[in-house]
Amino acid sequence: MAGRNSPGRPSADGGRRSLAKKPATLTREKKRSPELVIITGMSGSGKASVLKAFEDLGYYCVDNLPVLLITRFAELIVQSNEIRRTALVVDVREGSKLERFPEILKSVRRIVPTRVVYLEASDAVLLRRFSETRRPHPLGTDAPVKAALKAERRHLSRIRKVADLVIDTSKFNVHELRALITERFREQSRQRGILVACVSFGFRQGVPEDADLVFDVRFLPNPHFVREFRPLTGRHPRVAKYIRSFPQTQEFIQRISDLLVYLLPHYIHEGKSYLTIGFGCTGGQHRSVMIAEDVGKKLRKAGYRVKIVHRDSPR
């Protein structure tokens, strides 16, 4: 294998072979280092919401992974070329094996950089949350919830001591908790913590049901009435150039992009992780397609994760 050969090994070409291997080495060095976040803590403290926040940040997430598999999981992270940032939940559902977590954590940290996030809340708040959700405590229904919470704190006391970050969620709602996690861990993400879908569609087929924002672009000149453009779509360079040739097109794209760049941080602050923006024209083939493509590019340039979907194109 090229990556395993020593760069100092002599070769018939007088050393040029080792120089040719350097770009591959540099590529590996630039690859993002692996990272593991372990979420744990009291039942009802918000672990599911926190795991969802990490998922929205691009982490590969696993709920309730058996403690004895964490070391193997860490090894797989290091070996993987695709999965780099991961988050998993470990809690009292694990049972008696949870007592081995501190020693397992030591071995895992020798394999991959690992942080432990511990969530807790006051008994009064946890009791209210269990009452509102009407879900049983993981330790069973044989004892009152208050007694189960006391036993759970005792089981988790050693784990709390090894946590890197302890969060008391008593005064947080779901949106505030997710915003806190996003703010703390966003620096690990190359792009903003929201996924934006730019969807083109035709009003003839109806407005997308999942659209959060809808913009009607039927005020733009319609390429459908230009015979050579009729069989093409807005992704074709000639069609796109034709639509862009009108001053109102450029102004619309710029104004809408500026508006979205202004709005998106506010959506993130409110805990929204996914936003669908619809651009509609008559048939969904030309104008809406071109606008969705151009606005999507501007949002990517602004640092947001964007996916572009053409619902009705091509026919």
C-alpha atoms as a PDB file:
ATOM      1  CA  MET A   1       0.000   0.000   0.000  1.00  0.00           C
ATOM      2  CA  ALA A   2       1.345   3.437  -0.919  1.00  0.00           C
ATOM      3  CA  GLY A   3       0.530   5.003   2.449  1.00  0.00           C
ATOM      4  CA  ARG A   4       2.503   2.337   4.372  1.00  0.00           C
ATOM      5  CA  ASN A   5       5.822   2.632   2.564  1.00  0.00           C
ATOM      6  CA  SER A   6       8.502   4.569   4.387  1.00  0.00           C
ATOM      7  CA  PRO A   7       9.200   7.905   2.623  1.00  0.00           C
ATOM      8  CA  GLY A   8      12.914   7.296   3.095  1.00  0.00           C
ATOM      9  CA  ARG A   9      12.986   3.921   1.338  1.00  0.00           C
ATOM     10  CA  PRO A  10      15.310   4.027  -1.720  1.00  0.00           C
ATOM     11  CA  SER A  11      13.751   3.424  -5.109  1.00  0.00           C
ATOM     12  CA  ALA A  12      14.826   3.001  -8.694  1.00  0.00           C
ATOM     13  CA  ASP A  13      13.720   6.538  -9.601  1.00  0.00           C
ATOM     14  CA  GLY A  14      16.108   8.096  -7.113  1.00  0.00           C
ATOM     15  CA  GLY A  15      13.557   9.040  -4.467  1.00  0.00           C
ATOM     16  CA  ARG A  16      10.885  10.571  -6.689  1.00  0.00           C
ATOM     17  CA  ARG A  17       8.446   7.868  -5.627  1.00  0.00           C
ATOM     18  CA  SER A  18       8.439   9.134  -2.029  1.00  0.00           C
ATOM     19  CA  LEU A  19       7.801  12.705  -3.233  1.00  0.00           C
ATOM     20  CA  ALA A  20       4.807  11.522  -5.238  1.00  0.00           C
ATOM     21  CA  LYS A  21       3.269  10.084  -2.091  1.00  0.00           C
ATOM     22  CA  LYS A  22       3.314  13.345  -0.129  1.00  0.00           C
ATOM     23  CA  PRO A  23       0.020  14.772  -1.462  1.00  0.00           C
ATOM     24  CA  ALA A  24      -1.846  11.703  -0.188  1.00  0.00           C
ATOM     25  CA  THR A  25      -0.235  12.165   3.232  1.00  0.00           C
ATOM     26  CA  LEU A  26      -1.193  15.824   3.295  1.00  0.00           C
ATOM     27  CA  THR A  27      -4.760  14.918   2.396  1.00  0.00           C
ATOM     28  CA  ARG A  28      -4.954  12.567   5.355  1.00  0.00           C
ATOM     29  CA  GLU A  29      -3.554  15.231   7.670  1.00  0.00           C
ATOM     30  CA  LYS A  30      -6.219  17.710   6.600  1.00  0.00           C
ATOM     31  CA  LYS A  31      -9.015  15.225   7.275  1.00  0.00           C
ATOM     32  CA  ARG A  32     -11.059  16.213  10.308  1.00  0.00           C
ATOM     33  CA  SER A  33     -10.037  14.415  13.493  1.00  0.00           C
ATOM     34  CA  PRO A  34     -12.582  11.957  14.904  1.00  0.00           C
ATOM     35  CA  GLU A  35     -14.697  13.039  17.862  1.00  0.00           C
ATOM     36  CA  LEU A  36     -17.032  11.221  20.243  1.00  0.00           C
ATOM     37  CA  VAL A  37     -19.586  12.851  22.546  1.00  0.00           C
ATOM     38  CA  ILE A  38     -21.267  10.667  25.178  1.00  0.00           C
ATOM     39  CA  ILE A  39     -24.587  12.012  26.477  1.00  0.00           C
ATOM     40  CA  THR A  40     -25.760  10.719  29.832  1.00  0.00           C
ATOM     41  CA  GLY A  41     -27.624  11.804  32.936  1.00  0.00           C
ATOM     42  CA  MET A  42     -30.988  11.660  34.638  1.00  0.00           C
ATOM     43  CA  SER A  43     -34.097  10.294  32.981  1.00  0.00           C
ATOM     44  CA  GLY A  44     -36.332  13.158  31.919  1.00  0.00           C
ATOM     45  CA  SER A  45     -33.462  15.650  31.806  1.00  0.00           C
ATOM     46  CA  GLY A  46     -33.594  16.098  28.010  1.00  0.00           C
ATOM     47  CA  LYS A  47     -31.156  13.553  26.593  1.00  0.00           C
ATOM     48  CA  ALA A  48     -33.362  12.863  23.550  1.00  0.00           C
ATOM     49  CA  SER A  49     -33.549  16.571  22.711  1.00  0.00           C
ATOM     50  CA  VAL A  50     -29.786  16.941  23.077  1.00  0.00           C
ATOM     51  CA  LEU A  51     -29.153  13.914  20.869  1.00  0.00           C
ATOM     52  CA  LYS A  52     -31.416  15.464  18.228  1.00  0.00           C
ATOM     53  CA  ALA A  53     -29.453  18.716  18.444  1.00  0.00           C
ATOM     54  CA  PHE A  54     -26.212  16.828  17.776  1.00  0.00           C
ATOM     55  CA  GLU A  55     -27.854  15.056  14.839  1.00  0.00           C
ATOM     56  CA  ASP A  56     -28.833  18.431  13.388  1.00  0.00           C
ATOM     57  CA  LEU A  57     -25.206  19.543  13.738  1.00  0.00           C
ATOM     58  CA  GLY A  58     -24.144  16.633  11.528  1.00  0.00           C
ATOM     59  CA  TYR A  59     -23.113  14.112  14.190  1.00  0.00           C
ATOM     60  CA  TYR A  60     -23.727  10.401  13.637  1.00  0.00           C
ATOM     61  CA  CYS A  61     -26.011   9.570  16.569  1.00  0.00           C
ATOM     62  CA  VAL A  62     -26.792   6.360  18.475  1.00  0.00           C
ATOM     63  CA  ASP A  63     -29.290   6.039  21.322  1.00  0.00           C
ATOM     64  CA  ASN A  64     -28.784   3.589  24.198  1.00  0.00           C
ATOM     65  CA  LEU A  65     -25.615   1.889  22.954  1.00  0.00           C
ATOM     66  CA  PRO A  66     -24.599  -0.932  25.322  1.00  0.00           C
ATOM     67  CA  VAL A  67     -21.681   0.145  27.512  1.00  0.00           C
ATOM     68  CA  LEU A  68     -19.609  -2.907  26.585  1.00  0.00           C
ATOM     69  CA  LEU A  69     -19.761  -1.896  22.907  1.00  0.00           C
ATOM     70  CA  ILE A  70     -18.477   1.671  23.355  1.00  0.00           C
ATOM     71  CA  THR A  71     -14.801   0.689  22.976  1.00  0.00           C
ATOM     72  CA  ARG A  72     -15.509  -1.205  19.764  1.00  0.00           C
ATOM     73  CA  PHE A  73     -17.615   1.717  18.546  1.00  0.00           C
ATOM     74  CA  ALA A  74     -14.672   4.082  19.169  1.00  0.00           C
ATOM     75  CA  GLU A  75     -12.394   1.811  17.128  1.00  0.00           C
ATOM     76  CA  LEU A  76     -14.859   1.874  14.232  1.00  0.00           C
ATOM     77  CA  ILE A  77     -14.924   5.692  14.341  1.00  0.00           C
ATOM     78  CA  VAL A  78     -11.155   5.848  13.951  1.00  0.00           C
ATOM     79  CA  GLN A  79     -11.223   3.351  11.072  1.00  0.00           C
ATOM     80  CA  SER A  80     -14.093   5.042   9.237  1.00  0.00           C
ATOM     81  CA  ASN A  81     -13.460   7.412   6.334  1.00  0.00           C
ATOM     82  CA  GLU A  82     -16.993   8.812   6.447  1.00  0.00           C
ATOM     83  CA  ILE A  83     -18.123   8.952  10.082  1.00  0.00           C
ATOM     84  CA  ARG A  84     -15.987  11.406  12.056  1.00  0.00           C
ATOM     85  CA  ARG A  85     -18.205  13.208  14.567  1.00  0.00           C
ATOM     86  CA  THR A  86     -20.397  10.935  16.634  1.00  0.00           C
ATOM     87  CA  ALA A  87     -22.686  11.238  19.648  1.00  0.00           C
ATOM     88  CA  LEU A  88     -24.296   8.483  21.679  1.00  0.00           C
ATOM     89  CA  VAL A  89     -26.555   8.176  24.708  1.00  0.00           C
ATOM     90  CA  VAL A  90     -25.682   5.974  27.695  1.00  0.00           C
ATOM     91  CA  ASP A  91     -27.984   5.961  30.715  1.00  0.00           C
ATOM     92  CA  VAL A  92     -29.620   3.957  33.460  1.00  0.00           C
ATOM     93  CA  ARG A  93     -31.436   1.764  30.929  1.00  0.00           C
ATOM     94  CA  GLU A  94     -28.130  -0.117  30.694  1.00  0.00           C
ATOM     95  CA  GLY A  95     -28.680  -1.668  34.117  1.00  0.00           C
ATOM     96  CA  SER A  96     -25.857  -2.986  36.317  1.00  0.00           C
ATOM     97  CA  LYS A  97     -23.271  -2.821  33.512  1.00  0.00           C
ATOM     98  CA  LEU A  98     -23.427   0.977  33.766  1.00  0.00           C
ATOM     99  CA  GLU A  99     -21.088   0.690  36.774  1.00  0.00           C
ATOM    100  CA  ARG A 100     -18.255  -0.166  34.354  1.00  0.00           C
ATOM    101  CA  PHE A 101     -18.663   3.078  32.427  1.00  0.00           C
ATOM    102  CA  PRO A 102     -15.847   5.074  34.169  1.00  0.00           C
ATOM    103  CA  GLU A 103     -13.220   2.410  33.451  1.00  0.00           C
ATOM    104  CA  ILE A 104     -14.467   1.928  29.890  1.00  0.00           C
ATOM    105  CA  LEU A 105     -14.316   5.694  29.363  1.00  0.00           C
ATOM    106  CA  LYS A 106     -10.590   5.676  30.189  1.00  0.00           C
ATOM    107  CA  SER A 107      -9.858   3.140  27.452  1.00  0.00           C
ATOM    108  CA  VAL A 108     -12.128   4.930  24.965  1.00  0.00           C
ATOM    109  CA  ARG A 109     -10.320   8.240  25.504  1.00  0.00           C
ATOM    110  CA  ARG A 110      -7.066   6.535  24.540  1.00  0.00           C
ATOM    111  CA  ILE A 111      -8.662   5.674  21.183  1.00  0.00           C
ATOM    112  CA  VAL A 112     -10.609   8.810  20.235  1.00  0.00           C
ATOM    113  CA  PRO A 113     -11.066  12.325  21.734  1.00  0.00           C
ATOM    114  CA  THR A 114     -14.154  11.960  23.919  1.00  0.00           C
ATOM    115  CA  ARG A 115     -16.321  14.364  25.893  1.00  0.00           C
ATOM    116  CA  VAL A 116     -19.060  13.433  28.338  1.00  0.00           C
ATOM    117  CA  VAL A 117     -22.146  15.651  28.615  1.00  0.00           C
ATOM    118  CA  TYR A 118     -24.159  15.005  31.776  1.00  0.00           C
ATOM    119  CA  LEU A 119     -27.740  16.278  32.044  1.00  0.00           C
ATOM    120  CA  GLU A 120     -29.654  16.677  35.276  1.00  0.00           C
ATOM    121  CA  ALA A 121     -32.596  18.582  36.762  1.00  0.00           C
ATOM    122  CA  SER A 122     -34.210  19.070  40.125  1.00  0.00           C
ATOM    123  CA  ASP A 123     -36.491  16.357  41.479  1.00  0.00           C
ATOM    124  CA  ALA A 124     -39.471  18.704  41.330  1.00  0.00           C
ATOM    125  CA  VAL A 125     -38.914  19.393  37.632  1.00  0.00           C
ATOM    126  CA  LEU A 126     -38.298  15.732  36.784  1.00  0.00           C
ATOM    127  CA  LEU A 127     -41.433  14.686  38.664  1.00  0.00           C
ATOM    128  CA  ARG A 128     -43.456  17.233  36.712  1.00  0.00           C
ATOM    129  CA  ARG A 129     -42.031  16.048  33.392  1.00  0.00           C
ATOM    130  CA  PHE A 130     -42.822  12.404  34.161  1.00  0.00           C
ATOM    131  CA  SER A 131     -46.322  13.446  35.167  1.00  0.00           C
ATOM    132  CA  GLU A 132     -46.836  15.409  31.945  1.00  0.00           C
ATOM    133  CA  THR A 133     -45.537  12.668  29.639  1.00  0.00           C
ATOM    134  CA  ARG A 134     -47.113   9.832  31.669  1.00  0.00           C
ATOM    135  CA  ARG A 135     -44.121   7.630  30.890  1.00  0.00           C
ATOM    136  CA  PRO A 136     -42.774   5.157  33.461  1.00  0.00           C
ATOM    137  CA  HIS A 137     -39.313   5.590  34.921  1.00  0.00           C
ATOM    138  CA  PRO A 138     -36.725   3.238  33.320  1.00  0.00           C
ATOM    139  CA  LEU A 139     -36.030   1.641  36.710  1.00  0.00           C
ATOM    140  CA  GLY A 140     -39.564   0.264  36.719  1.00  0.00           C
ATOM    141  CA  THR A 141     -42.994   0.904  38.193  1.00  0.00           C
ATOM    142  CA  ASP A 142     -42.554  -1.053  41.425  1.00  0.00           C
ATOM    143  CA  ALA A 143     -41.555   2.108  43.306  1.00  0.00           C
ATOM    144  CA  PRO A 144     -42.818   5.702  43.108  1.00  0.00           C
ATOM    145  CA  VAL A 145     -41.064   7.942  40.582  1.00  0.00           C
ATOM    146  CA  LYS A 146     -39.510   9.996  43.384  1.00  0.00           C
ATOM    147  CA  ALA A 147     -37.853   6.897  44.851  1.00  0.00           C
ATOM    148  CA  ALA A 148     -36.698   5.818  41.374  1.00  0.00           C
ATOM    149  CA  LEU A 149     -35.088   9.217  40.804  1.00  0.00           C
ATOM    150  CA  LYS A 150     -33.220   8.935  44.096  1.00  0.00           C
ATOM    151  CA  ALA A 151     -31.912   5.504  43.149  1.00  0.00           C
ATOM    152  CA  GLU A 152     -30.942   6.762  39.693  1.00  0.00           C
ATOM    153  CA  ARG A 153     -28.899   9.643  41.139  1.00  0.00           C
ATOM    154  CA  ARG A 154     -27.040   7.146  43.270  1.00  0.00           C
ATOM    155  CA  HIS A 155     -26.280   4.901  40.258  1.00  0.00           C
ATOM    156  CA  LEU A 156     -25.063   7.859  38.193  1.00  0.00           C
ATOM    157  CA  SER A 157     -22.967   9.609  40.842  1.00  0.00           C
ATOM    158  CA  ARG A 158     -19.636   8.176  39.632  1.00  0.00           C
ATOM    159  CA  ILE A 159     -20.466   9.014  36.027  1.00  0.00           C
ATOM    160  CA  ARG A 160     -21.304  12.599  36.933  1.00  0.00           C
ATOM    161  CA  LYS A 161     -17.815  12.989  38.431  1.00  0.00           C
ATOM    162  CA  VAL A 162     -16.117  12.128  35.115  1.00  0.00           C
ATOM    163  CA  ALA A 163     -18.335  14.412  32.996  1.00  0.00           C
ATOM    164  CA  ASP A 164     -16.731  17.234  31.022  1.00  0.00           C
ATOM    165  CA  LEU A 165     -19.919  19.288  30.918  1.00  0.00           C
ATOM    166  CA  VAL A 166     -22.771  19.188  33.457  1.00  0.00           C
ATOM    167  CA  ILE A 167     -26.003  20.921  32.419  1.00  0.00           C
ATOM    168  CA  ASP A 168     -28.903  21.537  34.785  1.00  0.00           C
ATOM    169  CA  THR A 169     -31.940  21.638  32.488  1.00  0.00           C
ATOM    170  CA  SER A 170     -34.439  22.634  35.186  1.00  0.00           C
ATOM    171  CA  LYS A 171     -34.991  26.098  33.748  1.00  0.00           C
ATOM    172  CA  PHE A 172     -34.629  25.210  30.065  1.00  0.00           C
ATOM    173  CA  ASN A 173     -37.409  24.452  27.628  1.00  0.00           C
ATOM    174  CA  VAL A 174     -36.687  22.179  24.669  1.00  0.00           C
ATOM    175  CA  HIS A 175     -35.750  25.034  22.325  1.00  0.00           C
ATOM    176  CA  GLU A 176     -33.426  26.686  24.828  1.00  0.00           C
ATOM    177  CA  LEU A 177     -31.668  23.403  25.581  1.00  0.00           C
ATOM    178  CA  ARG A 178     -31.078  22.648  21.928  1.00  0.00           C
ATOM    179  CA  ALA A 179     -29.877  26.216  21.359  1.00  0.00           C
ATOM    180  CA  LEU A 180     -27.349  25.811  24.183  1.00  0.00           C
ATOM    181  CA  ILE A 181     -25.948  22.595  22.692  1.00  0.00           C
ATOM    182  CA  THR A 182     -25.835  24.144  19.234  1.00  0.00           C
ATOM    183  CA  GLU A 183     -23.939  27.157  20.565  1.00  0.00           C
ATOM    184  CA  ARG A 184     -21.466  25.022  22.535  1.00  0.00           C
ATOM    185  CA  PHE A 185     -20.705  22.557  19.759  1.00  0.00           C
ATOM    186  CA  ARG A 186     -21.321  24.600  16.601  1.00  0.00           C
ATOM    187  CA  GLU A 187     -17.610  25.460  16.433  1.00  0.00           C
ATOM    188  CA  GLN A 188     -17.037  21.825  15.533  1.00  0.00           C
ATOM    189  CA  SER A 189     -19.299  22.217  12.489  1.00  0.00           C
ATOM    190  CA  ARG A 190     -18.091  23.793   9.262  1.00  0.00           C
ATOM    191  CA  GLN A 191     -21.599  24.945   8.393  1.00  0.00           C
ATOM    192  CA  ARG A 192     -24.488  26.590  10.239  1.00  0.00           C
ATOM    193  CA  GLY A 193     -26.750  24.418  12.372  1.00  0.00           C
ATOM    194  CA  ILE A 194     -29.786  24.355  10.070  1.00  0.00           C
ATOM    195  CA  LEU A 195     -30.552  22.519   6.845  1.00  0.00           C
ATOM    196  CA  VAL A 196     -32.281  24.611   4.191  1.00  0.00           C
ATOM    197  CA  ALA A 197     -34.246  22.950   1.392  1.00  0.00           C
ATOM    198  CA  CYS A 198     -34.796  25.108  -1.695  1.00  0.00           C
ATOM    199  CA  VAL A 199     -37.695  23.478  -3.532  1.00  0.00           C
ATOM    200  CA  SER A 200     -38.903  24.433  -6.997  1.00  0.00           C
ATOM    201  CA  PHE A 201     -42.477  23.543  -7.922  1.00  0.00           C
ATOM    202  CA  GLY A 202     -45.340  24.299 -10.301  1.00  0.00           C
ATOM    203  CA  PHE A 203     -48.518  25.878  -9.001  1.00  0.00           C
ATOM    204  CA  ARG A 204     -50.448  23.594 -11.368  1.00  0.00           C
ATOM    205  CA  GLN A 205     -49.450  20.676  -9.153  1.00  0.00           C
ATOM    206  CA  GLY A 206     -50.099  22.538  -5.911  1.00  0.00           C
ATOM    207  CA  VAL A 207     -47.943  24.148  -3.232  1.00  0.00           C
ATOM    208  CA  PRO A 208     -45.600  21.764  -1.313  1.00  0.00           C
ATOM    209  CA  GLU A 209     -47.326  20.816   1.931  1.00  0.00           C
ATOM    210  CA  ASP A 210     -44.134  21.020   3.966  1.00  0.00           C
ATOM    211  CA  ALA A 211     -43.062  24.480   2.732  1.00  0.00           C
ATOM    212  CA  ASP A 212     -42.294  26.972   5.520  1.00  0.00           C
ATOM    213  CA  LEU A 213     -41.891  29.895   3.108  1.00  0.00           C
ATOM    214  CA  VAL A 214     -43.287  30.202  -0.426  1.00  0.00           C
ATOM    215  CA  PHE A 215     -42.252  32.695  -3.112  1.00  0.00           C
ATOM    216  CA  ASP A 216     -44.194  33.148  -6.341  1.00  0.00           C
ATOM    217  CA  VAL A 217     -41.845  33.809  -9.282  1.00  0.00           C
ATOM    218  CA  ARG A 218     -44.537  33.918 -11.993  1.00  0.00           C
ATOM    219  CA  PHE A 219     -43.909  37.660 -12.356  1.00  0.00           C
ATOM    220  CA  LEU A 220     -40.722  36.823 -14.299  1.00  0.00           C
ATOM    221  CA  PRO A 221     -40.841  36.402 -18.108  1.00  0.00           C
ATOM    222  CA  ASN A 222     -41.705  32.808 -18.960  1.00  0.00           C
ATOM    223  CA  PRO A 223     -39.163  30.822 -21.065  1.00  0.00           C
ATOM    224  CA  HIS A 224     -41.981  28.421 -21.939  1.00  0.00           C
ATOM    225  CA  PHE A 225     -43.041  30.839 -24.676  1.00  0.00           C
ATOM    226  CA  VAL A 226     -39.591  30.710 -26.284  1.00  0.00           C
ATOM    227  CA  ARG A 227     -39.791  27.673 -28.561  1.00  0.00           C
ATOM    228  CA  GLU A 228     -36.156  26.586 -28.199  1.00  0.00           C
ATOM    229  CA  PHE A 229     -36.399  26.722 -24.391  1.00  0.00           C
ATOM    230  CA  ARG A 230     -39.694  24.867 -24.022  1.00  0.00           C
ATOM    231  CA  PRO A 231     -38.261  21.312 -23.838  1.00  0.00           C
ATOM    232  CA  LEU A 232     -35.447  22.389 -21.486  1.00  0.00           C
ATOM    233  CA  THR A 233     -35.443  23.253 -17.767  1.00  0.00           C
ATOM    234  CA  GLY A 234     -34.120  26.124 -15.688  1.00  0.00           C
ATOM    235  CA  ARG A 235     -30.927  24.172 -15.053  1.00  0.00           C
ATOM    236  CA  HIS A 236     -29.914  24.480 -18.697  1.00  0.00           C
ATOM    237  CA  PRO A 237     -27.272  27.238 -19.053  1.00  0.00           C
ATOM    238  CA  ARG A 238     -29.087  28.977 -21.933  1.00  0.00           C
ATOM    239  CA  VAL A 239     -32.412  29.008 -20.111  1.00  0.00           C
ATOM    240  CA  ALA A 240     -30.782  30.266 -16.908  1.00  0.00           C
ATOM    241  CA  LYS A 241     -28.959  32.992 -18.829  1.00  0.00           C
ATOM    242  CA  TYR A 242     -32.237  34.089 -20.441  1.00  0.00           C
ATOM    243  CA  ILE A 243     -34.025  34.359 -17.086  1.00  0.00           C
ATOM    244  CA  ARG A 244     -31.083  36.215 -15.515  1.00  0.00           C
ATOM    245  CA  SER A 245     -31.040  38.715 -18.374  1.00  0.00           C
ATOM    246  CA  PHE A 246     -33.982  40.585 -16.855  1.00  0.00           C
ATOM    247  CA  PRO A 247     -33.115  43.146 -14.172  1.00  0.00           C
ATOM    248  CA  GLN A 248     -36.031  42.109 -11.959  1.00  0.00           C
ATOM    249  CA  THR A 249     -34.562  38.602 -11.777  1.00  0.00           C
ATOM    250  CA  GLN A 250     -31.249  39.776 -10.361  1.00  0.00           C
ATOM    251  CA  GLU A 251     -32.939  42.133  -7.930  1.00  0.00           C
ATOM    252  CA  PHE A 252     -35.348  39.422  -6.742  1.00  0.00           C
ATOM    253  CA  ILE A 253     -32.564  36.903  -6.138  1.00  0.00           C
ATOM    254  CA  GLN A 254     -30.510  39.437  -4.201  1.00  0.00           C
ATOM    255  CA  ARG A 255     -33.419  40.696  -2.089  1.00  0.00           C
ATOM    256  CA  ILE A 256     -34.694  37.210  -1.252  1.00  0.00           C
ATOM    257  CA  SER A 257     -31.182  35.968  -0.418  1.00  0.00           C
ATOM    258  CA  ASP A 258     -30.573  38.950   1.870  1.00  0.00           C
ATOM    259  CA  LEU A 259     -33.924  38.339   3.572  1.00  0.00           C
ATOM    260  CA  LEU A 260     -33.149  34.661   4.173  1.00  0.00           C
ATOM    261  CA  VAL A 261     -29.648  35.379   5.489  1.00  0.00           C
ATOM    262  CA  TYR A 262     -31.311  37.756   7.945  1.00  0.00           C
ATOM    263  CA  LEU A 263     -34.055  35.287   8.944  1.00  0.00           C
ATOM    264  CA  LEU A 264     -32.065  32.061   9.301  1.00  0.00           C
ATOM    265  CA  PRO A 265     -30.175  32.971  12.515  1.00  0.00           C
ATOM    266  CA  HIS A 266     -33.528  33.787  14.117  1.00  0.00           C
ATOM    267  CA  TYR A 267     -34.942  30.412  13.061  1.00  0.00           C
ATOM    268  CA  ILE A 268     -31.853  28.736  14.535  1.00  0.00           C
ATOM    269  CA  HIS A 269     -32.282  30.670  17.774  1.00  0.00           C
ATOM    270  CA  GLU A 270     -35.846  29.358  18.036  1.00  0.00           C
ATOM    271  CA  GLY A 271     -34.554  25.800  17.712  1.00  0.00           C
ATOM    272  CA  LYS A 272     -35.526  25.163  14.091  1.00  0.00           C
ATOM    273  CA  SER A 273     -33.172  22.715  12.426  1.00  0.00           C
ATOM    274  CA  TYR A 274     -34.863  22.360   9.024  1.00  0.00           C
ATOM    275  CA  LEU A 275     -36.399  25.019   6.777  1.00  0.00           C
ATOM    276  CA  THR A 276     -38.174  24.385   3.478  1.00  0.00           C
ATOM    277  CA  ILE A 277     -38.404  27.298   1.035  1.00  0.00           C
ATOM    278  CA  GLY A 278     -40.640  26.899  -2.003  1.00  0.00           C
ATOM    279  CA  PHE A 279     -40.196  28.762  -5.287  1.00  0.00           C
ATOM    280  CA  GLY A 280     -43.166  28.351  -7.599  1.00  0.00           C
ATOM    281  CA  CYS A 281     -43.891  29.132 -11.225  1.00  0.00           C
ATOM    282  CA  THR A 282     -46.651  27.891 -13.494  1.00  0.00           C
ATOM    283  CA  GLY A 283     -45.331  24.480 -14.481  1.00  0.00           C
ATOM    284  CA  GLY A 284     -42.259  24.160 -12.245  1.00  0.00           C
ATOM    285  CA  GLN A 285     -39.863  23.691 -15.169  1.00  0.00           C
ATOM    286  CA  HIS A 286     -38.012  26.941 -15.848  1.00  0.00           C
ATOM    287  CA  ARG A 287     -38.250  30.010 -13.605  1.00  0.00           C
ATOM    288  CA  SER A 288     -38.700  28.295 -10.261  1.00  0.00           C
ATOM    289  CA  VAL A 289     -35.904  25.831 -11.049  1.00  0.00           C
ATOM    290  CA  MET A 290     -33.415  28.556 -11.940  1.00  0.00           C
ATOM    291  CA  ILE A 291     -34.339  30.685  -8.894  1.00  0.00           C
ATOM    292  CA  ALA A 292     -34.054  27.747  -6.480  1.00  0.00           C
ATOM    293  CA  GLU A 293     -30.602  26.947  -7.871  1.00  0.00           C
ATOM    294  CA  ASP A 294     -29.313  30.526  -7.601  1.00  0.00           C
ATOM    295  CA  VAL A 295     -30.743  31.251  -4.148  1.00  0.00           C
ATOM    296  CA  GLY A 296     -29.405  27.911  -2.914  1.00  0.00           C
ATOM    297  CA  LYS A 297     -25.907  28.822  -4.114  1.00  0.00           C
ATOM    298  CA  LYS A 298     -26.047  32.154  -2.272  1.00  0.00           C
ATOM    299  CA  LEU A 299     -27.113  30.470   0.958  1.00  0.00           C
ATOM    300  CA  ARG A 300     -24.291  27.937   0.637  1.00  0.00           C
ATOM    301  CA  LYS A 301     -21.873  30.815   0.153  1.00  0.00           C
ATOM    302  CA  ALA A 302     -23.250  32.328   3.385  1.00  0.00           C
ATOM    303  CA  GLY A 303     -22.262  29.123   5.191  1.00  0.00           C
ATOM    304  CA  TYR A 304     -25.540  27.206   5.401  1.00  0.00           C
ATOM    305  CA  ARG A 305     -26.218  23.567   4.558  1.00  0.00           C
ATOM    306  CA  VAL A 306     -28.489  23.543   1.529  1.00  0.00           C
ATOM    307  CA  LYS A 307     -30.198  20.883  -0.520  1.00  0.00           C
ATOM    308  CA  ILE A 308     -31.952  21.784  -3.754  1.00  0.00           C
ATOM    309  CA  VAL A 309     -35.029  19.806  -4.817  1.00  0.00           C
ATOM    310  CA  HIS A 310     -36.943  20.177  -8.094  1.00  0.00           C
ATOM    311  CA  ARG A 311     -40.282  18.601  -7.284  1.00  0.00           C
ATOM    312  CA  ASP A 312     -41.877  18.838 -10.729  1.00  0.00           C
ATOM    313  CA  SER A 313     -38.848  19.038 -12.997  1.00  0.00           C
ATOM    314  CA  PRO A 314     -38.247  17.416 -15.339  1.00  0.00           C
ATOM    315  CA  ARG A 315     -41.741  16.345 -16.300  1.00  0.00           C
END
